[in-house]
C-alpha atoms as a PDB file:
ATOM      1  CA  UNK A   1      75.309 116.116  97.894  1.00  0.00           C
ATOM      2  CA  UNK A   2      73.105 118.395  98.939  1.00  0.00           C
ATOM      3  CA  UNK A   3      73.184 119.671 102.246  1.00  0.00           C
ATOM      4  CA  UNK A   4      70.391 118.538 105.298  1.00  0.00           C
ATOM      5  CA  UNK A   5      67.503 120.338 105.340  1.00  0.00           C
ATOM      6  CA  UNK A   6      67.236 122.535 108.598  1.00  0.00           C
ATOM      7  CA  UNK A   7      64.013 122.367 111.382  1.00  0.00           C
ATOM      8  CA  UNK A   8      63.317 125.702 111.548  1.00  0.00           C
ATOM      9  CA  UNK A   9      60.724 126.569 114.070  1.00  0.00           C
ATOM     10  CA  UNK A  10      57.403 124.348 114.166  1.00  0.00           C
ATOM     11  CA  UNK A  11      58.717 121.359 111.938  1.00  0.00           C
ATOM     12  CA  UNK A  12      60.892 118.181 112.007  1.00  0.00           C
ATOM     13  CA  UNK A  13      63.470 117.870 109.441  1.00  0.00           C
ATOM     14  CA  UNK A  14      63.635 114.534 108.361  1.00  0.00           C
ATOM     15  CA  UNK A  15      67.118 112.795 106.943  1.00  0.00           C
ATOM     16  CA  UNK A  16      66.370 111.402 103.665  1.00  0.00           C
ATOM     17  CA  UNK A  17      66.604 113.441 100.761  1.00  0.00           C
ATOM     18  CA  UNK A  18      63.243 114.435  99.113  1.00  0.00           C
ATOM     19  CA  UNK A  19      60.724 114.300 102.226  1.00  0.00           C
ATOM     20  CA  UNK A  20      58.641 116.875 103.155  1.00  0.00           C
ATOM     21  CA  UNK A  21      58.825 119.007 106.257  1.00  0.00           C
ATOM     22  CA  UNK A  22      55.696 117.875 108.618  1.00  0.00           C
ATOM     23  CA  UNK A  23      54.245 120.430 111.056  1.00  0.00           C
ATOM     24  CA  UNK A  24      55.676 119.504 114.958  1.00  0.00           C
ATOM     25  CA  UNK A  25      53.447 118.279 117.521  1.00  0.00           C
ATOM     26  CA  UNK A  26      52.614 120.586 120.395  1.00  0.00           C
ATOM     27  CA  UNK A  27      53.352 118.443 123.329  1.00  0.00           C
ATOM     28  CA  UNK A  28      51.549 118.800 126.874  1.00  0.00           C
ATOM     29  CA  UNK A  29      52.702 116.889 129.829  1.00  0.00           C
ATOM     30  CA  UNK A  30      52.432 113.680 128.466  1.00  0.00           C
ATOM     31  CA  UNK A  31      54.196 114.094 125.238  1.00  0.00           C
ATOM     32  CA  UNK A  32      56.988 115.458 127.250  1.00  0.00           C
ATOM     33  CA  UNK A  33      56.943 111.953 129.684  1.00  0.00           C
ATOM     34  CA  UNK A  34      57.166 109.851 126.449  1.00  0.00           C
ATOM     35  CA  UNK A  35      58.740 111.732 124.258  1.00  0.00           C
ATOM     36  CA  UNK A  36      62.038 109.739 122.144  1.00  0.00           C
ATOM     37  CA  UNK A  37      64.617 111.139 120.822  1.00  0.00           C
ATOM     38  CA  UNK A  38      63.775 111.384 116.775  1.00  0.00           C
ATOM     39  CA  UNK A  39      66.419 109.272 115.286  1.00  0.00           C
ATOM     40  CA  UNK A  40      66.669 106.771 118.417  1.00  0.00           C
ATOM     41  CA  UNK A  41      65.065 103.794 116.543  1.00  0.00           C
ATOM     42  CA  UNK A  42      65.310 104.753 112.895  1.00  0.00           C
ATOM     43  CA  UNK A  43      68.812 103.772 112.431  1.00  0.00           C
ATOM     44  CA  UNK A  44      67.550 100.573 114.346  1.00  0.00           C
ATOM     45  CA  UNK A  45      65.007  99.631 112.381  1.00  0.00           C
ATOM     46  CA  UNK A  46      66.933 100.278 109.329  1.00  0.00           C
ATOM     47  CA  UNK A  47      69.465  98.183 110.480  1.00  0.00           C
ATOM     48  CA  UNK A  48      67.033  95.472 111.127  1.00  0.00           C
ATOM     49  CA  UNK A  49      65.209  95.727 107.535  1.00  0.00           C
ATOM     50  CA  UNK A  50      68.645  95.461 105.898  1.00  0.00           C
ATOM     51  CA  UNK A  51      69.277  92.126 108.038  1.00  0.00           C
ATOM     52  CA  UNK A  52      65.991  90.344 107.174  1.00  0.00           C
ATOM     53  CA  UNK A  53      66.723  91.806 103.403  1.00  0.00           C
ATOM     54  CA  UNK A  54      69.926  89.692 103.533  1.00  0.00           C
ATOM     55  CA  UNK A  55      68.575  86.606 105.210  1.00  0.00           C
ATOM     56  CA  UNK A  56      65.330  86.643 102.474  1.00  0.00           C
ATOM     57  CA  UNK A  57      68.088  87.134  99.712  1.00  0.00           C
ATOM     58  CA  UNK A  58      70.367  84.534 100.367  1.00  0.00           C
ATOM     59  CA  UNK A  59      66.979  82.066 100.791  1.00  0.00           C
ATOM     60  CA  UNK A  60      65.809  83.024  97.883  1.00  0.00           C
ATOM     61  CA  UNK A  61      69.107  83.096  95.716  1.00  0.00           C
ATOM     62  CA  UNK A  62      69.883  79.323  97.282  1.00  0.00           C
ATOM     63  CA  UNK A  63      66.339  78.166  96.530  1.00  0.00           C
ATOM     64  CA  UNK A  64      65.594  79.077  93.168  1.00  0.00           C
ATOM     65  CA  UNK A  65      68.988  80.389  92.104  1.00  0.00           C
ATOM     66  CA  UNK A  66      70.455  84.306  91.534  1.00  0.00           C
ATOM     67  CA  UNK A  67      68.576  84.358  87.933  1.00  0.00           C
ATOM     68  CA  UNK A  68      65.368  83.891  89.222  1.00  0.00           C
ATOM     69  CA  UNK A  69      65.713  85.822  91.928  1.00  0.00           C
ATOM     70  CA  UNK A  70      63.783  88.827  91.921  1.00  0.00           C
ATOM     71  CA  UNK A  71      63.707  91.939  94.102  1.00  0.00           C
ATOM     72  CA  UNK A  72      59.895  90.940  94.920  1.00  0.00           C
ATOM     73  CA  UNK A  73      60.785  87.619  95.693  1.00  0.00           C
ATOM     74  CA  UNK A  74      62.815  89.036  98.317  1.00  0.00           C
ATOM     75  CA  UNK A  75      61.181  91.322  99.411  1.00  0.00           C
ATOM     76  CA  UNK A  76      58.092  89.044  99.831  1.00  0.00           C
ATOM     77  CA  UNK A  77      60.034  86.519 101.701  1.00  0.00           C
ATOM     78  CA  UNK A  78      61.582  89.530 104.082  1.00  0.00           C
ATOM     79  CA  UNK A  79      58.165  90.567 104.491  1.00  0.00           C
ATOM     80  CA  UNK A  80      59.694  94.475 103.839  1.00  0.00           C
ATOM     81  CA  UNK A  81      58.613  96.927 101.344  1.00  0.00           C
ATOM     82  CA  UNK A  82      60.210  97.419  97.806  1.00  0.00           C
ATOM     83  CA  UNK A  83      60.556 101.175  98.901  1.00  0.00           C
ATOM     84  CA  UNK A  84      62.486  99.754 101.844  1.00  0.00           C
ATOM     85  CA  UNK A  85      64.382  97.722  99.653  1.00  0.00           C
ATOM     86  CA  UNK A  86      65.532 100.349  97.185  1.00  0.00           C
ATOM     87  CA  UNK A  87      66.320 102.573 100.015  1.00  0.00           C
ATOM     88  CA  UNK A  88      68.862 100.380 101.378  1.00  0.00           C
ATOM     89  CA  UNK A  89      70.114  98.695  97.655  1.00  0.00           C
ATOM     90  CA  UNK A  90      70.517  99.938  94.665  1.00  0.00           C
ATOM     91  CA  UNK A  91      69.280  96.427  93.082  1.00  0.00           C
ATOM     92  CA  UNK A  92      69.625  92.890  93.638  1.00  0.00           C
ATOM     93  CA  UNK A  93      73.292  92.717  92.821  1.00  0.00           C
ATOM     94  CA  UNK A  94      74.341  95.007  95.393  1.00  0.00           C
ATOM     95  CA  UNK A  95      72.185  92.699  97.782  1.00  0.00           C
ATOM     96  CA  UNK A  96      73.937  89.575  96.940  1.00  0.00           C
ATOM     97  CA  UNK A  97      77.603  92.075  97.220  1.00  0.00           C
ATOM     98  CA  UNK A  98      76.496  92.816 100.606  1.00  0.00           C
ATOM     99  CA  UNK A  99      75.781  89.061 101.251  1.00  0.00           C
ATOM    100  CA  UNK A 100      79.458  88.649 100.119  1.00  0.00           C
ATOM    101  CA  UNK A 101      80.834  90.733 102.458  1.00  0.00           C
ATOM    102  CA  UNK A 102      78.982  90.096 105.445  1.00  0.00           C
ATOM    103  CA  UNK A 103      80.327  86.419 104.968  1.00  0.00           C
ATOM    104  CA  UNK A 104      83.620  87.681 104.393  1.00  0.00           C
ATOM    105  CA  UNK A 105      83.426  89.618 107.517  1.00  0.00           C
ATOM    106  CA  UNK A 106      82.243  86.950 109.835  1.00  0.00           C
ATOM    107  CA  UNK A 107      84.775  84.963 108.411  1.00  0.00           C
ATOM    108  CA  UNK A 108      87.519  87.373 109.421  1.00  0.00           C
ATOM    109  CA  UNK A 109      86.446  87.973 112.943  1.00  0.00           C
ATOM    110  CA  UNK A 110      86.487  83.752 113.095  1.00  0.00           C
ATOM    111  CA  UNK A 111      90.686  84.380 112.246  1.00  0.00           C
ATOM    112  CA  UNK A 112      91.058  87.357 114.466  1.00  0.00           C
ATOM    113  CA  UNK A 113      89.070  85.173 117.449  1.00  0.00           C
ATOM    114  CA  UNK A 114      91.446  82.257 116.791  1.00  0.00           C
ATOM    115  CA  UNK A 115      95.018  84.208 117.019  1.00  0.00           C
ATOM    116  CA  UNK A 116      96.333  83.611 114.083  1.00  0.00           C
ATOM    117  CA  UNK A 117      98.484  87.003 113.650  1.00  0.00           C
ATOM    118  CA  UNK A 118     102.311  86.546 114.592  1.00  0.00           C
ATOM    119  CA  UNK A 119     102.225  82.732 113.678  1.00  0.00           C
ATOM    120  CA  UNK A 120     104.175  81.233 111.410  1.00  0.00           C
ATOM    121  CA  UNK A 121     103.130  81.483 107.955  1.00  0.00           C
ATOM    122  CA  UNK A 122     101.947  77.410 107.358  1.00  0.00           C
ATOM    123  CA  UNK A 123     100.185  77.737 110.587  1.00  0.00           C
ATOM    124  CA  UNK A 124      98.354  80.609 109.401  1.00  0.00           C
ATOM    125  CA  UNK A 125      97.678  79.557 106.105  1.00  0.00           C
ATOM    126  CA  UNK A 126      95.990  76.336 108.118  1.00  0.00           C
ATOM    127  CA  UNK A 127      94.226  78.152 110.578  1.00  0.00           C
ATOM    128  CA  UNK A 128      92.689  80.207 108.156  1.00  0.00           C
ATOM    129  CA  UNK A 129      91.766  77.454 106.058  1.00  0.00           C
ATOM    130  CA  UNK A 130      90.174  76.048 109.119  1.00  0.00           C
ATOM    131  CA  UNK A 131      87.734  78.691 109.673  1.00  0.00           C
ATOM    132  CA  UNK A 132      86.560  79.010 106.228  1.00  0.00           C
ATOM    133  CA  UNK A 133      85.889  75.439 106.199  1.00  0.00           C
ATOM    134  CA  UNK A 134      84.185  75.681 109.505  1.00  0.00           C
ATOM    135  CA  UNK A 135      82.017  78.529 108.864  1.00  0.00           C
ATOM    136  CA  UNK A 136      81.131  77.485 105.183  1.00  0.00           C
ATOM    137  CA  UNK A 137      79.731  74.100 107.180  1.00  0.00           C
ATOM    138  CA  UNK A 138      77.959  76.209 109.816  1.00  0.00           C
ATOM    139  CA  UNK A 139      76.421  78.408 106.887  1.00  0.00           C
ATOM    140  CA  UNK A 140      75.325  75.984 104.248  1.00  0.00           C
ATOM    141  CA  UNK A 141      72.826  78.765 102.778  1.00  0.00           C
ATOM    142  CA  UNK A 142      75.316  81.359 102.679  1.00  0.00           C
ATOM    143  CA  UNK A 143      77.749  79.217 101.673  1.00  0.00           C
ATOM    144  CA  UNK A 144      76.237  78.076  98.100  1.00  0.00           C
ATOM    145  CA  UNK A 145      75.210  81.257  97.544  1.00  0.00           C
ATOM    146  CA  UNK A 146      78.545  82.938  98.211  1.00  0.00           C
ATOM    147  CA  UNK A 147      80.397  79.810  96.313  1.00  0.00           C
ATOM    148  CA  UNK A 148      78.508  78.793  93.845  1.00  0.00           C
ATOM    149  CA  UNK A 149      75.636  81.262  92.847  1.00  0.00           C
ATOM    150  CA  UNK A 150      77.687  84.132  92.655  1.00  0.00           C
ATOM    151  CA  UNK A 151      79.523  82.798  89.633  1.00  0.00           C
ATOM    152  CA  UNK A 152      75.976  84.178  88.141  1.00  0.00           C
ATOM    153  CA  UNK A 153      76.399  87.469  89.327  1.00  0.00           C
ATOM    154  CA  UNK A 154      77.251  90.880  87.054  1.00  0.00           C
ATOM    155  CA  UNK A 155      80.315  92.643  87.044  1.00  0.00           C
ATOM    156  CA  UNK A 156      79.766  94.058  90.163  1.00  0.00           C
ATOM    157  CA  UNK A 157      79.687  90.372  92.064  1.00  0.00           C
ATOM    158  CA  UNK A 158      82.673  88.884  90.315  1.00  0.00           C
ATOM    159  CA  UNK A 159      84.592  91.801  91.195  1.00  0.00           C
ATOM    160  CA  UNK A 160      84.262  91.537  94.478  1.00  0.00           C
ATOM    161  CA  UNK A 161      84.713  87.817  94.708  1.00  0.00           C
ATOM    162  CA  UNK A 162      87.919  87.889  92.348  1.00  0.00           C
ATOM    163  CA  UNK A 163      89.046  90.683  95.561  1.00  0.00           C
ATOM    164  CA  UNK A 164      88.297  87.995  97.821  1.00  0.00           C
ATOM    165  CA  UNK A 165      90.411  85.406  95.738  1.00  0.00           C
ATOM    166  CA  UNK A 166      93.165  87.898  94.883  1.00  0.00           C
ATOM    167  CA  UNK A 167      93.561  88.753  98.655  1.00  0.00           C
ATOM    168  CA  UNK A 168      93.275  84.972  99.875  1.00  0.00           C
ATOM    169  CA  UNK A 169      96.350  84.434  97.418  1.00  0.00           C
ATOM    170  CA  UNK A 170      98.527  87.190  98.622  1.00  0.00           C
ATOM    171  CA  UNK A 171      98.788  85.160 101.825  1.00  0.00           C
ATOM    172  CA  UNK A 172      99.630  82.195 100.074  1.00  0.00           C
ATOM    173  CA  UNK A 173     102.209  83.958  98.025  1.00  0.00           C
ATOM    174  CA  UNK A 174     104.003  84.923 101.183  1.00  0.00           C
ATOM    175  CA  UNK A 175     105.016  81.192 101.350  1.00  0.00           C
ATOM    176  CA  UNK A 176     107.807  82.047  98.529  1.00  0.00           C
ATOM    177  CA  UNK A 177     110.181  83.462 101.728  1.00  0.00           C
ATOM    178  CA  UNK A 178     109.478  80.443 103.378  1.00  0.00           C
ATOM    179  CA  UNK A 179     113.172  78.387 101.731  1.00  0.00           C
ATOM    180  CA  UNK A 180     114.412  77.528  98.708  1.00  0.00           C
ATOM    181  CA  UNK A 181     111.584  75.785  96.711  1.00  0.00           C
ATOM    182  CA  UNK A 182     109.192  78.741  97.517  1.00  0.00           C
ATOM    183  CA  UNK A 183     111.621  80.710  96.166  1.00  0.00           C
ATOM    184  CA  UNK A 184     111.098  79.000  92.741  1.00  0.00           C
ATOM    185  CA  UNK A 185     107.336  79.974  93.229  1.00  0.00           C
ATOM    186  CA  UNK A 186     105.672  82.920  91.534  1.00  0.00           C
ATOM    187  CA  UNK A 187     102.337  84.716  92.164  1.00  0.00           C
ATOM    188  CA  UNK A 188     100.424  82.170  89.770  1.00  0.00           C
ATOM    189  CA  UNK A 189     101.241  79.452  91.615  1.00  0.00           C
ATOM    190  CA  UNK A 190      99.356  80.827  94.354  1.00  0.00           C
ATOM    191  CA  UNK A 191      96.411  82.141  92.539  1.00  0.00           C
ATOM    192  CA  UNK A 192      96.335  78.681  91.126  1.00  0.00           C
ATOM    193  CA  UNK A 193      96.240  77.019  94.514  1.00  0.00           C
ATOM    194  CA  UNK A 194      93.272  79.010  95.557  1.00  0.00           C
ATOM    195  CA  UNK A 195      91.596  78.513  92.145  1.00  0.00           C
ATOM    196  CA  UNK A 196      92.026  74.817  92.641  1.00  0.00           C
ATOM    197  CA  UNK A 197      90.855  74.885  96.516  1.00  0.00           C
ATOM    198  CA  UNK A 198      88.102  76.718  95.690  1.00  0.00           C
ATOM    199  CA  UNK A 199      86.906  74.352  92.777  1.00  0.00           C
ATOM    200  CA  UNK A 200      86.795  71.261  94.947  1.00  0.00           C
ATOM    201  CA  UNK A 201      84.369  73.193  97.487  1.00  0.00           C
ATOM    202  CA  UNK A 202      82.443  74.504  94.388  1.00  0.00           C
ATOM    203  CA  UNK A 203      82.300  70.882  93.243  1.00  0.00           C
ATOM    204  CA  UNK A 204      81.084  69.477  96.833  1.00  0.00           C
ATOM    205  CA  UNK A 205      78.365  72.200  97.608  1.00  0.00           C
ATOM    206  CA  UNK A 206      76.954  71.884  94.414  1.00  0.00           C
ATOM    207  CA  UNK A 207      76.811  68.161  94.279  1.00  0.00           C
ATOM    208  CA  UNK A 208      75.912  68.275  97.824  1.00  0.00           C
ATOM    209  CA  UNK A 209      78.373  65.974  98.371  1.00  0.00           C
ATOM    210  CA  UNK A 210      78.081  64.073 102.595  1.00  0.00           C
ATOM    211  CA  UNK A 211      80.404  65.053 104.819  1.00  0.00           C
ATOM    212  CA  UNK A 212      81.898  68.244 105.791  1.00  0.00           C
ATOM    213  CA  UNK A 213      84.103  70.881 104.333  1.00  0.00           C
ATOM    214  CA  UNK A 214      86.746  70.607 107.304  1.00  0.00           C
ATOM    215  CA  UNK A 215      87.518  67.119 105.976  1.00  0.00           C
ATOM    216  CA  UNK A 216      89.099  68.882 103.307  1.00  0.00           C
ATOM    217  CA  UNK A 217      91.689  70.231 105.527  1.00  0.00           C
ATOM    218  CA  UNK A 218      94.442  67.918 105.395  1.00  0.00           C
ATOM    219  CA  UNK A 219      94.286  67.288 101.477  1.00  0.00           C
ATOM    220  CA  UNK A 220      94.336  71.443 100.804  1.00  0.00           C
ATOM    221  CA  UNK A 221      96.859  72.067 103.211  1.00  0.00           C
ATOM    222  CA  UNK A 222      99.016  68.693 101.829  1.00  0.00           C
ATOM    223  CA  UNK A 223      98.471  70.311  98.185  1.00  0.00           C
ATOM    224  CA  UNK A 224      99.823  73.827  99.435  1.00  0.00           C
ATOM    225  CA  UNK A 225     102.376  72.516 100.850  1.00  0.00           C
ATOM    226  CA  UNK A 226     103.910  70.735  98.368  1.00  0.00           C
ATOM    227  CA  UNK A 227     103.952  73.661  96.277  1.00  0.00           C
ATOM    228  CA  UNK A 228     106.118  76.139  99.063  1.00  0.00           C
ATOM    229  CA  UNK A 229     107.414  73.414 101.394  1.00  0.00           C
ATOM    230  CA  UNK A 230     108.119  69.954  99.363  1.00  0.00           C
ATOM    231  CA  UNK A 231     106.722  66.231  99.738  1.00  0.00           C
ATOM    232  CA  UNK A 232     107.690  65.872 103.220  1.00  0.00           C
ATOM    233  CA  UNK A 233     106.108  68.768 104.467  1.00  0.00           C
ATOM    234  CA  UNK A 234     103.100  67.668 102.366  1.00  0.00           C
ATOM    235  CA  UNK A 235     102.897  64.504 103.767  1.00  0.00           C
ATOM    236  CA  UNK A 236     103.003  65.732 107.561  1.00  0.00           C
ATOM    237  CA  UNK A 237     100.449  68.221 106.705  1.00  0.00           C
ATOM    238  CA  UNK A 238      97.878  65.218 105.152  1.00  0.00           C
ATOM    239  CA  UNK A 239      98.897  63.437 108.861  1.00  0.00           C
ATOM    240  CA  UNK A 240      98.218  65.889 110.948  1.00  0.00           C
ATOM    241  CA  UNK A 241      95.130  65.473 112.891  1.00  0.00           C
ATOM    242  CA  UNK A 242      92.041  68.747 112.154  1.00  0.00           C
ATOM    243  CA  UNK A 243      92.278  71.489 115.027  1.00  0.00           C
ATOM    244  CA  UNK A 244      89.685  71.232 117.609  1.00  0.00           C
ATOM    245  CA  UNK A 245      86.180  72.679 116.196  1.00  0.00           C
ATOM    246  CA  UNK A 246      85.525  76.252 116.828  1.00  0.00           C
ATOM    247  CA  UNK A 247      81.816  77.350 117.893  1.00  0.00           C
ATOM    248  CA  UNK A 248      81.010  79.245 114.468  1.00  0.00           C
ATOM    249  CA  UNK A 249      77.400  81.160 115.571  1.00  0.00           C
ATOM    250  CA  UNK A 250      75.326  79.715 113.163  1.00  0.00           C
ATOM    251  CA  UNK A 251      71.863  81.263 111.968  1.00  0.00           C
ATOM    252  CA  UNK A 252      68.994  79.248 110.398  1.00  0.00           C
ATOM    253  CA  UNK A 253      68.174  79.225 107.255  1.00  0.00           C
ATOM    254  CA  UNK A 254      71.227  81.630 106.402  1.00  0.00           C
ATOM    255  CA  UNK A 255      69.998  84.743 108.353  1.00  0.00           C
ATOM    256  CA  UNK A 256      72.231  87.677 108.441  1.00  0.00           C
ATOM    257  CA  UNK A 257      71.803  89.186 111.749  1.00  0.00           C
ATOM    258  CA  UNK A 258      68.575  87.665 112.653  1.00  0.00           C
ATOM    259  CA  UNK A 259      69.355  87.849 116.345  1.00  0.00           C
ATOM    260  CA  UNK A 260      68.975  91.158 116.188  1.00  0.00           C
ATOM    261  CA  UNK A 261      65.049  91.470 114.656  1.00  0.00           C
ATOM    262  CA  UNK A 262      63.099  92.105 117.280  1.00  0.00           C
ATOM    263  CA  UNK A 263      59.791  90.905 114.999  1.00  0.00           C
ATOM    264  CA  UNK A 264      61.460  87.590 113.746  1.00  0.00           C
ATOM    265  CA  UNK A 265      58.751  85.353 115.344  1.00  0.00           C
ATOM    266  CA  UNK A 266      55.710  87.771 114.771  1.00  0.00           C
ATOM    267  CA  UNK A 267      54.137  88.394 110.865  1.00  0.00           C
ATOM    268  CA  UNK A 268      54.316  91.709 110.737  1.00  0.00           C
ATOM    269  CA  UNK A 269      56.563  94.560 108.991  1.00  0.00           C
ATOM    270  CA  UNK A 270      58.891  96.049 111.051  1.00  0.00           C
ATOM    271  CA  UNK A 271      58.745 100.062 110.617  1.00  0.00           C
ATOM    272  CA  UNK A 272      60.037 103.222 112.053  1.00  0.00           C
ATOM    273  CA  UNK A 273      56.951 104.221 113.581  1.00  0.00           C
ATOM    274  CA  UNK A 274      56.099 100.664 114.742  1.00  0.00           C
ATOM    275  CA  UNK A 275      58.957 100.649 116.637  1.00  0.00           C
ATOM    276  CA  UNK A 276      58.746 104.501 118.288  1.00  0.00           C
ATOM    277  CA  UNK A 277      55.013 103.076 118.992  1.00  0.00           C
ATOM    278  CA  UNK A 278      56.147 100.385 121.000  1.00  0.00           C
ATOM    279  CA  UNK A 279      58.924 102.108 122.491  1.00  0.00           C
ATOM    280  CA  UNK A 280      56.122 104.921 123.983  1.00  0.00           C
ATOM    281  CA  UNK A 281      53.979 102.352 125.396  1.00  0.00           C
ATOM    282  CA  UNK A 282      56.899 100.609 127.188  1.00  0.00           C
ATOM    283  CA  UNK A 283      58.309 104.021 128.994  1.00  0.00           C
ATOM    284  CA  UNK A 284      54.538 104.995 129.598  1.00  0.00           C
ATOM    285  CA  UNK A 285      52.367 101.902 130.026  1.00  0.00           C
ATOM    286  CA  UNK A 286      48.316 103.231 130.085  1.00  0.00           C
ATOM    287  CA  UNK A 287      48.888 105.941 127.782  1.00  0.00           C
ATOM    288  CA  UNK A 288      45.717 106.735 125.726  1.00  0.00           C
ATOM    289  CA  UNK A 289      45.901 107.099 122.017  1.00  0.00           C
ATOM    290  CA  UNK A 290      46.374 110.512 121.834  1.00  0.00           C
ATOM    291  CA  UNK A 291      49.255 110.498 123.972  1.00  0.00           C
ATOM    292  CA  UNK A 292      51.171 107.834 122.137  1.00  0.00           C
ATOM    293  CA  UNK A 293      50.660 109.626 118.997  1.00  0.00           C
ATOM    294  CA  UNK A 294      52.023 112.693 120.433  1.00  0.00           C
ATOM    295  CA  UNK A 295      55.231 110.894 121.804  1.00  0.00           C
ATOM    296  CA  UNK A 296      55.536 108.746 118.729  1.00  0.00           C
ATOM    297  CA  UNK A 297      54.928 111.459 116.185  1.00  0.00           C
ATOM    298  CA  UNK A 298      52.347 110.847 114.314  1.00  0.00           C
ATOM    299  CA  UNK A 299      50.222 113.223 113.207  1.00  0.00           C
ATOM    300  CA  UNK A 300      47.370 110.902 112.176  1.00  0.00           C
ATOM    301  CA  UNK A 301      44.480 110.218 114.542  1.00  0.00           C
ATOM    302  CA  UNK A 302      43.626 107.227 112.126  1.00  0.00           C
ATOM    303  CA  UNK A 303      46.894 105.865 111.390  1.00  0.00           C
ATOM    304  CA  UNK A 304      47.787 105.780 115.136  1.00  0.00           C
ATOM    305  CA  UNK A 305      44.493 104.253 115.984  1.00  0.00           C
ATOM    306  CA  UNK A 306      44.977 101.493 112.867  1.00  0.00           C
ATOM    307  CA  UNK A 307      48.661 100.391 114.293  1.00  0.00           C
ATOM    308  CA  UNK A 308      47.319 100.440 118.290  1.00  0.00           C
ATOM    309  CA  UNK A 309      44.578  97.814 116.846  1.00  0.00           C
ATOM    310  CA  UNK A 310      46.996  96.023 114.933  1.00  0.00           C
ATOM    311  CA  UNK A 311      49.314  95.687 117.546  1.00  0.00           C
ATOM    312  CA  UNK A 312      46.531  93.987 119.560  1.00  0.00           C
ATOM    313  CA  UNK A 313      45.179  91.673 116.847  1.00  0.00           C
ATOM    314  CA  UNK A 314      48.875  90.399 116.879  1.00  0.00           C
ATOM    315  CA  UNK A 315      49.014  90.224 121.172  1.00  0.00           C
ATOM    316  CA  UNK A 316      52.236  93.009 121.237  1.00  0.00           C
ATOM    317  CA  UNK A 317      49.894  95.390 122.983  1.00  0.00           C
ATOM    318  CA  UNK A 318      46.480  95.356 125.080  1.00  0.00           C
ATOM    319  CA  UNK A 319      43.987  98.352 125.776  1.00  0.00           C
ATOM    320  CA  UNK A 320      43.079  98.111 129.411  1.00  0.00           C
ATOM    321  CA  UNK A 321      40.881 101.669 129.140  1.00  0.00           C
ATOM    322  CA  UNK A 322      37.013 102.028 128.778  1.00  0.00           C
ATOM    323  CA  UNK A 323      37.481 103.202 124.753  1.00  0.00           C
ATOM    324  CA  UNK A 324      34.762 105.352 123.364  1.00  0.00           C
ATOM    325  CA  UNK A 325      31.545 102.936 124.197  1.00  0.00           C
ATOM    326  CA  UNK A 326      32.334 104.314 127.949  1.00  0.00           C
ATOM    327  CA  UNK A 327      33.319 107.677 127.615  1.00  0.00           C
ATOM    328  CA  UNK A 328      37.180 106.668 128.849  1.00  0.00           C
ATOM    329  CA  UNK A 329      40.291 107.422 127.171  1.00  0.00           C
ATOM    330  CA  UNK A 330      41.921 104.041 125.643  1.00  0.00           C
ATOM    331  CA  UNK A 331      44.628 103.090 127.982  1.00  0.00           C
ATOM    332  CA  UNK A 332      47.399 100.731 126.413  1.00  0.00           C
ATOM    333  CA  UNK A 333      49.843  98.710 127.888  1.00  0.00           C
ATOM    334  CA  UNK A 334      52.193  96.202 126.060  1.00  0.00           C
ATOM    335  CA  UNK A 335      51.795  92.430 126.289  1.00  0.00           C
ATOM    336  CA  UNK A 336      54.239  89.954 127.462  1.00  0.00           C
ATOM    337  CA  UNK A 337      55.439  89.430 124.100  1.00  0.00           C
ATOM    338  CA  UNK A 338      55.189  92.998 123.280  1.00  0.00           C
ATOM    339  CA  UNK A 339      57.558  93.494 125.979  1.00  0.00           C
ATOM    340  CA  UNK A 340      60.012  91.220 124.416  1.00  0.00           C
ATOM    341  CA  UNK A 341      59.625  93.104 121.611  1.00  0.00           C
ATOM    342  CA  UNK A 342      60.143  96.276 123.088  1.00  0.00           C
ATOM    343  CA  UNK A 343      63.221  94.780 125.504  1.00  0.00           C
ATOM    344  CA  UNK A 344      65.186  93.912 122.194  1.00  0.00           C
ATOM    345  CA  UNK A 345      64.519  97.579 120.424  1.00  0.00           C
ATOM    346  CA  UNK A 346      66.508  98.890 123.913  1.00  0.00           C
ATOM    347  CA  UNK A 347      69.111  96.130 123.493  1.00  0.00           C
ATOM    348  CA  UNK A 348      69.820  97.030 119.754  1.00  0.00           C
ATOM    349  CA  UNK A 349      69.309 100.643 120.857  1.00  0.00           C
ATOM    350  CA  UNK A 350      71.977 100.551 124.002  1.00  0.00           C
ATOM    351  CA  UNK A 351      74.315  98.029 121.833  1.00  0.00           C
ATOM    352  CA  UNK A 352      74.552 100.720 118.980  1.00  0.00           C
ATOM    353  CA  UNK A 353      75.055 103.757 121.363  1.00  0.00           C
ATOM    354  CA  UNK A 354      77.776 101.923 123.467  1.00  0.00           C
ATOM    355  CA  UNK A 355      79.433 100.749 120.098  1.00  0.00           C
ATOM    356  CA  UNK A 356      79.793 104.323 119.026  1.00  0.00           C
END
């Protein structure tokens, strides 16, 4: 891996390999007041763009199937450029793997929230199964993508899918320690139970069967208990009432991290430059074009004028100055909607800093 470029005097070192160095701006009083840490919005914008792409990929795959899903369809739906897609993912296969990982991580968080650690094996299995079924009910798009459409993926997708199933089989295989009947089982028993349960869920999702998947809990637990604990335990599991529903956070249309997208309600691509300009105006209302450009690190006056006009058309920024016609500088401030977007950006930055 090549060492990162070092920025010498008068240069700005960009983190991406292959980017050219740009002359640093001469910073006056306005620029010092407006200047933001260079990497403040860059990482958060990448995260937002990644969330948009994953959300779009889930929706497109669910609508047209994995075979018909193209990078172009994903980027068009996400309002993100193809260049950005390939900066974040190697190909659509890698994007689908990321979707599967996202779903698995969310289920894992639900299991942790349910406090299953330390419980007896049967209670851990029942609680974990309930968490999985609840998540699939709450996220039907992600459910169909991860359970149904992932079967049409390539080698990397299928490997990730098998890894998850192997992990689930490992949990069931611990049932061999539960008594004489369990000791007669083998790892193949656990693998067969996982495959059977997955087949039932697959059929329900593919066929669009009515009713929640959580309604399968009693029968699936009975099937598991029968193998490891015997018929009496299986009947008890089939007759046990279902747990109280957990409120799994639901995201519309299978979106992944949509709550972190500050421009979710605005038909505009979010770029690093856009984020910096919005945060600069929020930090110093009534700034001129030149002051905003210096604070945001935009070197081309034409680019900053074009971007500011676009923000104005979208209702995010308002020019309260006289402009060239009156011989006065422009004076930009954020509209209420623009203020909300800038606030969301600052919240994402703060949350990321606190997490670090």
